[in-house]
Structure formats: structure tokens, C-alpha cells
């Protein structure tokens, strides 16, 4: 049976309108705008810095902030409404569960993408106007990668919300997933040191002895993968201020593919779990 687009649109519109009414959209745009402009001043040491240098600072900041925002938007999508009884009312209408799920994902995803695009877009114009230089294709690539990171964590958050029964446990699981992405790199460095690698030399920028398996970490940590992809979008080959040589299989295409897999598999799991859920 084909998916009816009208119910999906209605649910998506409601989710987006609720977040506009709750000032989420305006607040997020302001956060991203201030974040980008502040990162530019940090990169420029008190003056407006150029785009590529600014993005280097933004990668670190947005890789922490964007996942948190996505988790906060999505963790109660199913479990919270099931607890409050609102989900039962929605499902009493002639609408399929897949349509409810897609509508919520599209509506909340629109909130994330619009906020990132407007916030970082306005700041990009301000930075370009101040410096007289712009790398728009690379900067737009960074914006798109940040959107993809937000959608990735939204899909994971909604998946968790579909599987777990209570909103508080959904939030806790979302926090665990976030911290996995945040500390995965440190775990990998520990594994590298445990297998005889010189972790201190690596932290000081010497990556000559790093085995290929080490770089697989960027596919397991969405934050690190997004940061590496943004670095490659600007044609940079530096990590932590040091020049590195990445394996040929770690490139922009494979990193984007990994992010798409990270996004689509949780959506499929969310649908499977939501279909079986008793509300």
C-alpha cells in the first residue's frame, strides 16, 4: 500500500509549526548565527577570520551542539507522546504509522536544516563581507554536512524513542549515543597505544606509524566523521593543527555514505519498532 503524502504533510507541518510557536526555530537560528560569528573572531584572534579558518573552529563547536539539539528535538517524539496519550489520539485517525513517523522526521528535520542554513548562511555572508574573501562551494558543503549530522542524530533519537517506553529512558539512551560519538576517538587512541602504537607521537602530530585500521574510527563516530568530511570539503589535510595522510578509502564520498547509512538504518529500525508498539 503506497504512502499517502497528505497525512505526512499534515504531521510534518504540525511538528514544524509547534517548534516555530515554541520559539525553537528562532532560538536555533540565533544560536548558530552567534556561534559562527564568535568562531570567526576566535579564528581571527579578535578580528573576523576567513571562512576556512572559521570552519576549523566551527567543526569542534557544532559537532557538540548539533547532536545535542537533534537529540533534544527527537527523544520524546514517540515515547513522550505515548506517555501523554497524544499518540493514541493521532493513531485513532485514518493514518498509518509509517506516515506518522515520516511526518515527524520531516517536520523536525526541517526545523534543524532551516536553522542551520539560515544561521550559518547569514554568518557566512557577514564573514565574506568583512574579509572580502569567500569559499562558498566549500562553505555550503560544510553547511550541508552539518545538516546531515543533525538529521543523523535526529533519526537515531527518533529510533530510540520508538523502541523505549518512557521519555526519560529515551533521553538517557540519546545521551549515551552522543557520548559514544564524542569519546570514540579517545577509545581508538587507547586501542592504538595498547597495540604498541606511540599515542604521544600521534597527539603531537606524527601520524606516520598509524595503521589503516585506526582511521576506521571516523566511520563509527558521526562527530569525527562529519569533522573530517568538512575538512576534506575545504581541501585541508590537517588534524589537530598537523598535516596528516589519510588512506584513499577515507574520502568525502565514503564519509557521506557512512553518514547516510547511520541515518537510514535507525529510520528503518524506528519503523519496525513503531509498527510493533502497543499504544
Protein backbone atom coordinates (compact mmCIF):
# COMPACT_ATOMS: atom_id res chain seq x y z
CA UNK A 1 0.00 0.00 0.00
CA UNK A 2 1.55 3.32 -1.07
CA UNK A 3 2.29 6.05 1.46
CA UNK A 4 -0.28 8.85 1.41
CA UNK A 5 1.54 12.15 1.14
CA UNK A 6 -1.26 14.31 2.57
CA UNK A 7 -1.11 12.83 6.12
CA UNK A 8 2.70 13.02 6.05
CA UNK A 9 2.48 16.70 5.11
CA UNK A 10 -0.08 17.42 7.85
CA UNK A 11 2.06 15.77 10.56
CA UNK A 12 5.23 17.48 9.29
CA UNK A 13 3.50 20.86 9.19
CA UNK A 14 2.23 20.41 12.76
CA UNK A 15 5.69 19.46 14.06
CA UNK A 16 7.28 22.44 12.32
CA UNK A 17 4.55 24.85 13.46
CA UNK A 18 4.83 23.64 17.06
CA UNK A 19 8.55 24.41 17.07
CA UNK A 20 8.00 27.81 15.48
CA UNK A 21 5.34 28.58 18.10
CA UNK A 22 7.67 27.43 20.89
CA UNK A 23 10.40 29.75 19.51
CA UNK A 24 12.72 26.77 18.83
CA UNK A 25 13.42 27.84 15.24
CA UNK A 26 14.23 31.45 16.13
CA UNK A 27 16.36 30.35 19.09
CA UNK A 28 18.35 27.86 16.99
CA UNK A 29 18.94 30.38 14.20
CA UNK A 30 20.24 32.85 16.78
CA UNK A 31 22.47 30.18 18.37
CA UNK A 32 24.03 29.16 15.04
CA UNK A 33 24.47 32.78 13.96
CA UNK A 34 26.20 33.80 17.18
CA UNK A 35 28.23 30.59 17.20
CA UNK A 36 29.58 31.16 13.69
CA UNK A 37 30.39 34.84 14.21
CA UNK A 38 32.07 34.09 17.56
CA UNK A 39 34.07 31.25 15.95
CA UNK A 40 35.20 33.68 13.25
CA UNK A 41 36.52 36.12 15.86
CA UNK A 42 38.26 33.28 17.71
CA UNK A 43 39.82 32.05 14.47
CA UNK A 44 40.88 35.59 13.61
CA UNK A 45 42.21 36.29 17.13
CA UNK A 46 39.95 39.24 17.81
CA UNK A 47 39.03 40.14 14.25
CA UNK A 48 36.81 38.45 11.68
CA UNK A 49 38.63 35.39 10.37
CA UNK A 50 38.47 33.83 6.92
CA UNK A 51 35.95 31.11 6.15
CA UNK A 52 38.29 28.11 6.06
CA UNK A 53 39.87 29.05 9.40
CA UNK A 54 36.46 29.79 10.91
CA UNK A 55 35.12 26.40 9.84
CA UNK A 56 38.04 24.74 11.64
CA UNK A 57 36.73 26.22 14.90
CA UNK A 58 33.08 25.62 13.98
CA UNK A 59 33.68 21.92 13.36
CA UNK A 60 34.60 21.40 17.01
CA UNK A 61 31.74 23.50 18.34
CA UNK A 62 28.98 22.31 16.02
CA UNK A 63 29.95 18.63 16.43
CA UNK A 64 28.97 19.01 20.09
CA UNK A 65 25.99 21.35 19.76
CA UNK A 66 24.14 19.96 16.72
CA UNK A 67 23.82 16.37 18.05
CA UNK A 68 22.55 17.67 21.40
CA UNK A 69 19.91 19.81 19.67
CA UNK A 70 18.80 16.89 17.48
CA UNK A 71 18.51 14.56 20.48
CA UNK A 72 16.50 17.16 22.41
CA UNK A 73 14.10 17.55 19.48
CA UNK A 74 13.62 13.85 18.84
CA UNK A 75 13.92 11.91 22.08
CA UNK A 76 10.25 12.33 23.10
CA UNK A 77 8.78 12.07 19.59
CA UNK A 78 7.20 8.65 20.14
CA UNK A 79 7.78 7.68 23.77
CA UNK A 80 6.77 11.09 25.12
CA UNK A 81 3.55 11.27 23.13
CA UNK A 82 2.76 7.65 24.02
CA UNK A 83 3.13 8.52 27.72
CA UNK A 84 0.89 11.58 27.44
CA UNK A 85 -1.76 9.76 25.39
CA UNK A 86 -1.42 12.14 22.42
CA UNK A 87 -0.13 9.36 20.19
CA UNK A 88 -3.25 7.27 20.77
CA UNK A 89 -5.39 10.17 19.59
CA UNK A 90 -3.32 10.58 16.44
CA UNK A 91 -3.42 6.87 15.61
CA UNK A 92 -7.20 6.82 16.13
CA UNK A 93 -7.41 8.89 12.93
CA UNK A 94 -7.24 7.24 9.48
CA UNK A 95 -3.47 7.45 9.26
CA UNK A 96 -0.79 4.77 9.06
CA UNK A 97 2.14 4.58 11.45
CA UNK A 98 4.70 4.96 8.68
CA UNK A 99 3.02 8.24 7.72
CA UNK A 100 3.16 9.48 11.32
CA UNK A 101 6.83 8.54 11.58
CA UNK A 102 7.81 10.14 8.27
CA UNK A 103 5.81 13.28 9.07
CA UNK A 104 7.58 13.72 12.39
CA UNK A 105 11.00 13.10 10.85
CA UNK A 106 10.38 15.57 8.01
CA UNK A 107 8.91 18.22 10.31
CA UNK A 108 11.68 18.06 12.89
CA UNK A 109 14.32 17.66 10.19
CA UNK A 110 13.03 20.87 8.57
CA UNK A 111 13.49 22.69 11.88
CA UNK A 112 17.12 21.54 12.10
CA UNK A 113 18.00 22.19 8.45
CA UNK A 114 16.33 25.61 8.26
CA UNK A 115 18.01 26.75 11.48
CA UNK A 116 21.47 25.62 10.34
CA UNK A 117 21.05 27.04 6.83
CA UNK A 118 19.81 30.46 7.93
CA UNK A 119 22.10 30.79 10.97
CA UNK A 120 25.31 29.68 9.26
CA UNK A 121 24.25 31.24 5.95
CA UNK A 122 23.82 34.74 7.39
CA UNK A 123 27.07 34.45 9.31
CA UNK A 124 28.85 33.28 6.12
CA UNK A 125 27.67 36.40 4.30
CA UNK A 126 28.88 38.59 7.18
CA UNK A 127 32.28 36.87 7.25
CA UNK A 128 32.68 37.12 3.48
CA UNK A 129 31.69 40.81 3.51
CA UNK A 130 34.18 41.55 6.30
CA UNK A 131 37.16 39.68 4.83
CA UNK A 132 36.45 40.23 1.15
CA UNK A 133 37.15 36.54 0.58
CA UNK A 134 34.77 33.59 0.35
CA UNK A 135 34.99 29.89 -0.43
CA UNK A 136 31.28 29.46 -0.98
CA UNK A 137 31.28 25.99 -2.51
CA UNK A 138 33.27 24.60 0.41
CA UNK A 139 31.31 26.59 2.99
CA UNK A 140 27.99 25.39 1.56
CA UNK A 141 29.42 21.87 1.69
CA UNK A 142 30.16 22.41 5.38
CA UNK A 143 26.57 23.61 5.95
CA UNK A 144 25.16 20.55 4.16
CA UNK A 145 27.40 18.22 6.17
CA UNK A 146 26.23 19.88 9.39
CA UNK A 147 22.62 19.40 8.31
CA UNK A 148 23.35 15.74 7.61
CA UNK A 149 24.89 15.37 11.08
CA UNK A 150 21.73 16.89 12.59
CA UNK A 151 19.46 14.57 10.59
CA UNK A 152 21.63 11.61 11.56
CA UNK A 153 21.21 12.25 15.27
CA UNK A 154 17.53 13.04 14.79
CA UNK A 155 16.96 9.64 13.17
CA UNK A 156 18.89 7.91 15.98
CA UNK A 157 16.92 9.85 18.59
CA UNK A 158 13.56 9.01 16.99
CA UNK A 159 14.63 5.37 16.70
CA UNK A 160 15.41 5.27 20.42
CA UNK A 161 12.10 6.96 21.16
CA UNK A 162 10.28 4.29 19.12
CA UNK A 163 11.98 1.42 20.93
CA UNK A 164 11.86 2.64 24.55
CA UNK A 165 8.65 3.13 26.50
CA UNK A 166 9.39 6.23 28.59
CA UNK A 167 10.74 9.62 27.62
CA UNK A 168 13.30 9.72 30.45
CA UNK A 169 14.90 6.46 29.29
CA UNK A 170 14.82 7.74 25.70
CA UNK A 171 16.71 10.84 26.78
CA UNK A 172 19.24 8.75 28.71
CA UNK A 173 19.87 6.49 25.72
CA UNK A 174 20.26 9.52 23.46
CA UNK A 175 22.88 10.95 25.80
CA UNK A 176 24.76 7.62 25.74
CA UNK A 177 24.81 7.65 21.91
CA UNK A 178 26.03 11.25 21.93
CA UNK A 179 28.88 10.47 24.32
CA UNK A 180 29.85 7.43 22.25
CA UNK A 181 30.40 9.72 19.28
CA UNK A 182 32.27 12.21 21.46
CA UNK A 183 34.69 9.77 23.13
CA UNK A 184 35.08 7.18 20.37
CA UNK A 185 38.29 8.86 19.19
CA UNK A 186 39.85 8.61 22.64
CA UNK A 187 38.94 4.92 22.81
CA UNK A 188 40.64 4.39 19.44
CA UNK A 189 43.77 6.19 20.63
CA UNK A 190 43.77 3.90 23.68
CA UNK A 191 43.50 0.85 21.40
CA UNK A 192 46.31 2.20 19.27
CA UNK A 193 48.51 2.65 22.34
CA UNK A 194 47.50 -0.79 23.63
CA UNK A 195 48.66 -2.44 20.39
CA UNK A 196 52.13 -0.88 20.60
CA UNK A 197 51.46 2.45 18.91
CA UNK A 198 53.05 5.69 20.09
CA UNK A 199 49.99 7.64 21.26
CA UNK A 200 52.08 10.59 22.43
CA UNK A 201 53.70 10.95 19.00
CA UNK A 202 50.24 10.80 17.40
CA UNK A 203 48.91 13.54 19.69
CA UNK A 204 51.93 15.63 18.72
CA UNK A 205 51.09 15.28 15.04
CA UNK A 206 53.22 12.32 13.95
CA UNK A 207 50.82 10.03 12.06
CA UNK A 208 53.45 8.22 10.03
CA UNK A 209 53.15 4.99 12.00
CA UNK A 210 49.38 4.95 12.33
CA UNK A 211 47.87 1.77 10.77
CA UNK A 212 44.96 1.94 8.33
CA UNK A 213 42.53 0.33 10.79
CA UNK A 214 42.85 3.38 13.05
CA UNK A 215 41.12 5.62 10.51
CA UNK A 216 38.04 3.37 10.51
CA UNK A 217 37.05 5.33 13.63
CA UNK A 218 35.74 8.23 11.52
CA UNK A 219 33.03 5.89 10.23
CA UNK A 220 31.99 4.85 13.75
CA UNK A 221 31.84 8.34 15.28
CA UNK A 222 29.41 10.65 13.44
CA UNK A 223 31.00 13.73 15.03
CA UNK A 224 34.54 12.80 13.96
CA UNK A 225 33.33 11.70 10.54
CA UNK A 226 31.49 14.96 9.98
CA UNK A 227 34.52 16.98 11.07
CA UNK A 228 36.83 15.01 8.77
CA UNK A 229 34.39 15.40 5.86
CA UNK A 230 34.19 19.16 6.41
CA UNK A 231 37.98 19.30 6.50
CA UNK A 232 38.15 17.45 3.18
CA UNK A 233 35.46 19.71 1.68
CA UNK A 234 37.86 22.62 2.18
CA UNK A 235 40.76 20.61 0.77
CA UNK A 236 42.51 20.58 4.13
CA UNK A 237 44.73 17.72 5.27
CA UNK A 238 45.30 18.80 8.84
CA UNK A 239 44.18 17.17 12.06
CA UNK A 240 44.67 18.99 15.36
CA UNK A 241 46.88 21.50 13.51
CA UNK A 242 49.17 18.84 11.99
CA UNK A 243 49.31 17.60 8.44
CA UNK A 244 48.10 14.01 8.08
CA UNK A 245 47.93 11.49 5.28
CA UNK A 246 44.57 9.77 5.17
CA UNK A 247 44.09 6.41 3.42
CA UNK A 248 42.49 6.65 -0.02
CA UNK A 249 39.30 5.00 1.25
CA UNK A 250 38.76 7.81 3.76
CA UNK A 251 37.36 10.47 1.46
CA UNK A 252 34.38 12.78 1.21
CA UNK A 253 32.29 10.24 -0.69
CA UNK A 254 32.78 7.36 1.74
CA UNK A 255 32.21 9.61 4.74
CA UNK A 256 28.93 10.93 3.33
CA UNK A 257 27.88 7.36 2.51
CA UNK A 258 28.62 6.31 6.10
CA UNK A 259 26.50 9.20 7.39
CA UNK A 260 23.62 8.19 5.12
CA UNK A 261 23.82 4.62 6.45
CA UNK A 262 23.93 5.97 10.01
CA UNK A 263 20.75 7.93 9.15
CA UNK A 264 18.73 5.35 7.22
CA UNK A 265 19.26 2.27 9.40
CA UNK A 266 17.79 3.94 12.54
CA UNK A 267 14.79 5.09 10.48
CA UNK A 268 14.18 1.50 9.36
CA UNK A 269 14.54 0.26 12.96
CA UNK A 270 12.22 3.01 14.17
CA UNK A 271 9.56 1.95 11.66
CA UNK A 272 9.90 -1.73 12.62
CA UNK A 273 9.65 -0.94 16.33
CA UNK A 274 6.81 1.56 15.93
CA UNK A 275 4.78 -0.97 13.96
CA UNK A 276 5.00 -3.43 16.85
CA UNK A 277 4.46 -0.86 19.59
CA UNK A 278 1.27 -1.11 21.66
CA UNK A 279 -0.08 2.40 22.29
